[in-house]
Amino acid sequence: VQLVESGGDLVQTGESLRLSCKATGFKFDDHAIAWFRQAPGKKREGLATITVSDHLTYYSDLLRGRATISADNAKNTVYLQMNDLGPDDTALYFCAAHDRLRLPGVPKTWLDLAPFGTWGQGTQVTVSS
C-alpha cells in the first residue's frame, strides 16, 4: 500500500501547480483521498478530499476557489490543481487515503481530524514573492 506524490516545485507568486498522488497496492475506487500540507513550525492543514468512486469533493476554506481536486480512476491517481499561488502556500504537500466506508463523519471531519491510514511522503511547494 503506497501513495507517491509529485509535482511540487519552486514557482513565482501568481503561478499554478498541479500535484499528483499515485496510489498502488489497494483498491483505489473504494477509497477517499485527501490532500494536506504542513509548513515548518505550523500545524498540518487539510485542503481537499475526494471520494474516488463518485468523485464527490470537499474543500477547506484555505484553498476554496483556488484549487481543484480530481481523480483519474484508470491511472489510480488523484490531482490537486492549485492556482494563484502565494508565499503562504509554501509547504510540504502530501496525500492520504482511507477506505471510504471506514471514515467517520463527513468530509469536513476528514480534513479536520485526518483519520487516514495511508500517507505519502510529500512533495515540496515553494512560492517566491
Protein backbone atom coordinates (compact mmCIF):
# COMPACT_ATOMS: atom_id res chain seq x y z
CA VAL A 1 0.00 0.00 0.00
CA GLN A 2 1.68 3.18 -1.13
CA LEU A 3 0.99 6.78 -2.07
CA VAL A 4 3.57 8.75 -4.03
CA GLU A 5 3.20 12.49 -4.51
CA SER A 6 4.83 14.51 -7.27
CA GLY A 7 4.56 17.88 -8.96
CA GLY A 8 5.93 20.14 -6.27
CA ASP A 9 8.23 22.89 -7.46
CA LEU A 10 9.60 26.38 -6.89
CA VAL A 11 7.23 28.88 -8.53
CA GLN A 12 6.59 32.60 -8.54
CA THR A 13 3.65 34.30 -6.87
CA GLY A 14 0.55 34.05 -9.01
CA GLU A 15 1.60 30.87 -10.80
CA SER A 16 -0.11 27.49 -10.77
CA LEU A 17 0.89 23.92 -9.99
CA ARG A 18 -0.71 20.52 -10.38
CA LEU A 19 0.22 17.96 -7.76
CA SER A 20 -0.24 14.24 -8.33
CA CYS A 21 -0.87 11.42 -5.87
CA LYS A 22 -0.29 7.96 -7.35
CA ALA A 23 -1.80 5.06 -5.41
CA THR A 24 -0.65 1.45 -5.55
CA GLY A 25 -1.42 -1.67 -3.60
CA PHE A 26 -5.07 -1.11 -2.72
CA LYS A 27 -8.45 -0.92 -4.37
CA PHE A 28 -8.43 2.72 -5.43
CA ASP A 29 -12.16 3.03 -6.12
CA ASP A 30 -13.11 2.10 -2.53
CA HIS A 31 -11.18 4.95 -1.01
CA ALA A 32 -11.31 8.61 -0.19
CA ILE A 33 -8.15 10.59 -0.88
CA ALA A 34 -7.26 13.89 0.74
CA TRP A 35 -4.56 16.49 0.36
CA PHE A 36 -2.87 18.10 3.36
CA ARG A 37 0.02 20.49 3.79
CA GLN A 38 2.40 21.44 6.53
CA ALA A 39 4.77 24.37 6.66
CA PRO A 40 7.77 24.46 9.01
CA GLY A 41 6.66 25.35 12.52
CA LYS A 42 2.98 25.19 11.65
CA LYS A 43 0.31 22.59 12.17
CA ARG A 44 -0.91 20.33 9.41
CA GLU A 45 -3.77 21.75 7.33
CA GLY A 46 -6.43 19.78 5.47
CA LEU A 47 -7.03 21.15 1.98
CA ALA A 48 -9.37 18.99 -0.09
CA THR A 49 -10.79 15.50 -0.32
CA ILE A 50 -12.41 13.33 -2.97
CA THR A 51 -14.26 10.04 -2.81
CA VAL A 52 -12.87 8.10 -5.74
CA SER A 53 -15.98 6.10 -6.58
CA ASP A 54 -18.25 9.08 -7.27
CA HIS A 55 -15.74 11.96 -7.41
CA LEU A 56 -17.56 13.82 -4.66
CA THR A 57 -15.30 16.64 -3.50
CA TYR A 58 -14.95 18.90 -0.49
CA TYR A 59 -12.61 21.85 0.04
CA SER A 60 -11.46 23.63 3.15
CA ASP A 61 -11.55 27.40 3.19
CA LEU A 62 -7.77 27.52 2.78
CA LEU A 63 -7.85 26.83 -0.96
CA ARG A 64 -11.52 27.29 -1.77
CA GLY A 65 -11.83 28.94 -5.14
CA ARG A 66 -8.15 28.46 -6.00
CA ALA A 67 -7.90 24.71 -6.20
CA THR A 68 -9.49 21.70 -7.86
CA ILE A 69 -9.15 18.12 -6.70
CA SER A 70 -9.81 15.40 -9.26
CA ALA A 71 -9.26 11.70 -9.77
CA ASP A 72 -8.29 9.57 -12.75
CA ASN A 73 -9.53 6.12 -11.84
CA ALA A 74 -7.78 4.49 -14.78
CA LYS A 75 -4.43 5.81 -13.54
CA ASN A 76 -5.11 5.36 -9.80
CA THR A 77 -4.12 8.98 -9.40
CA VAL A 78 -5.59 11.99 -7.64
CA TYR A 79 -4.61 15.51 -8.63
CA LEU A 80 -4.64 18.85 -6.86
CA GLN A 81 -4.62 21.81 -9.25
CA MET A 82 -3.70 25.00 -7.40
CA ASN A 83 -3.90 28.45 -8.93
CA ASP A 84 -2.79 31.95 -7.94
CA LEU A 85 -0.21 30.66 -5.50
CA GLY A 86 1.33 32.93 -2.91
CA PRO A 87 4.18 32.68 -0.36
CA ASP A 88 1.72 31.47 2.30
CA ASP A 89 1.18 28.36 0.18
CA THR A 90 4.80 27.29 0.71
CA ALA A 91 4.69 23.91 2.46
CA LEU A 92 5.18 20.18 2.15
CA TYR A 93 2.08 18.82 0.47
CA PHE A 94 1.05 15.24 0.99
CA CYS A 95 -1.88 12.99 0.23
CA ALA A 96 -3.60 10.41 2.37
CA ALA A 97 -6.04 7.57 1.71
CA HIS A 98 -8.57 5.54 3.64
CA ASP A 99 -11.38 3.11 2.92
CA ARG A 100 -14.34 5.40 2.36
CA LEU A 101 -16.71 3.22 4.40
CA ARG A 102 -14.39 3.31 7.42
CA LEU A 103 -14.10 7.09 7.57
CA PRO A 104 -16.10 8.76 10.34
CA GLY A 105 -18.47 11.66 9.86
CA VAL A 106 -18.43 13.92 6.84
CA PRO A 107 -15.64 15.22 4.58
CA LYS A 108 -15.09 18.28 6.76
CA THR A 109 -14.35 15.87 9.62
CA TRP A 110 -11.83 14.02 7.46
CA LEU A 111 -9.88 17.22 6.85
CA ASP A 112 -10.13 18.36 10.47
CA LEU A 113 -9.21 15.07 12.15
CA ALA A 114 -7.21 13.39 9.36
CA PRO A 115 -8.29 9.79 10.18
CA PHE A 116 -6.41 8.39 7.20
CA GLY A 117 -4.43 5.19 7.42
CA THR A 118 -2.10 5.61 4.46
CA TRP A 119 0.08 8.65 3.89
CA GLY A 120 2.58 9.66 1.25
CA GLN A 121 5.99 11.21 1.86
CA GLY A 122 5.06 14.58 0.43
CA THR A 123 6.12 16.93 -2.33
CA GLN A 124 7.56 20.38 -1.62
CA VAL A 125 5.88 23.51 -2.93
CA THR A 126 7.80 26.75 -2.60
CA VAL A 127 6.34 30.04 -3.75
CA SER A 128 8.66 33.02 -4.03
CA SER A 129 7.43 36.59 -3.79
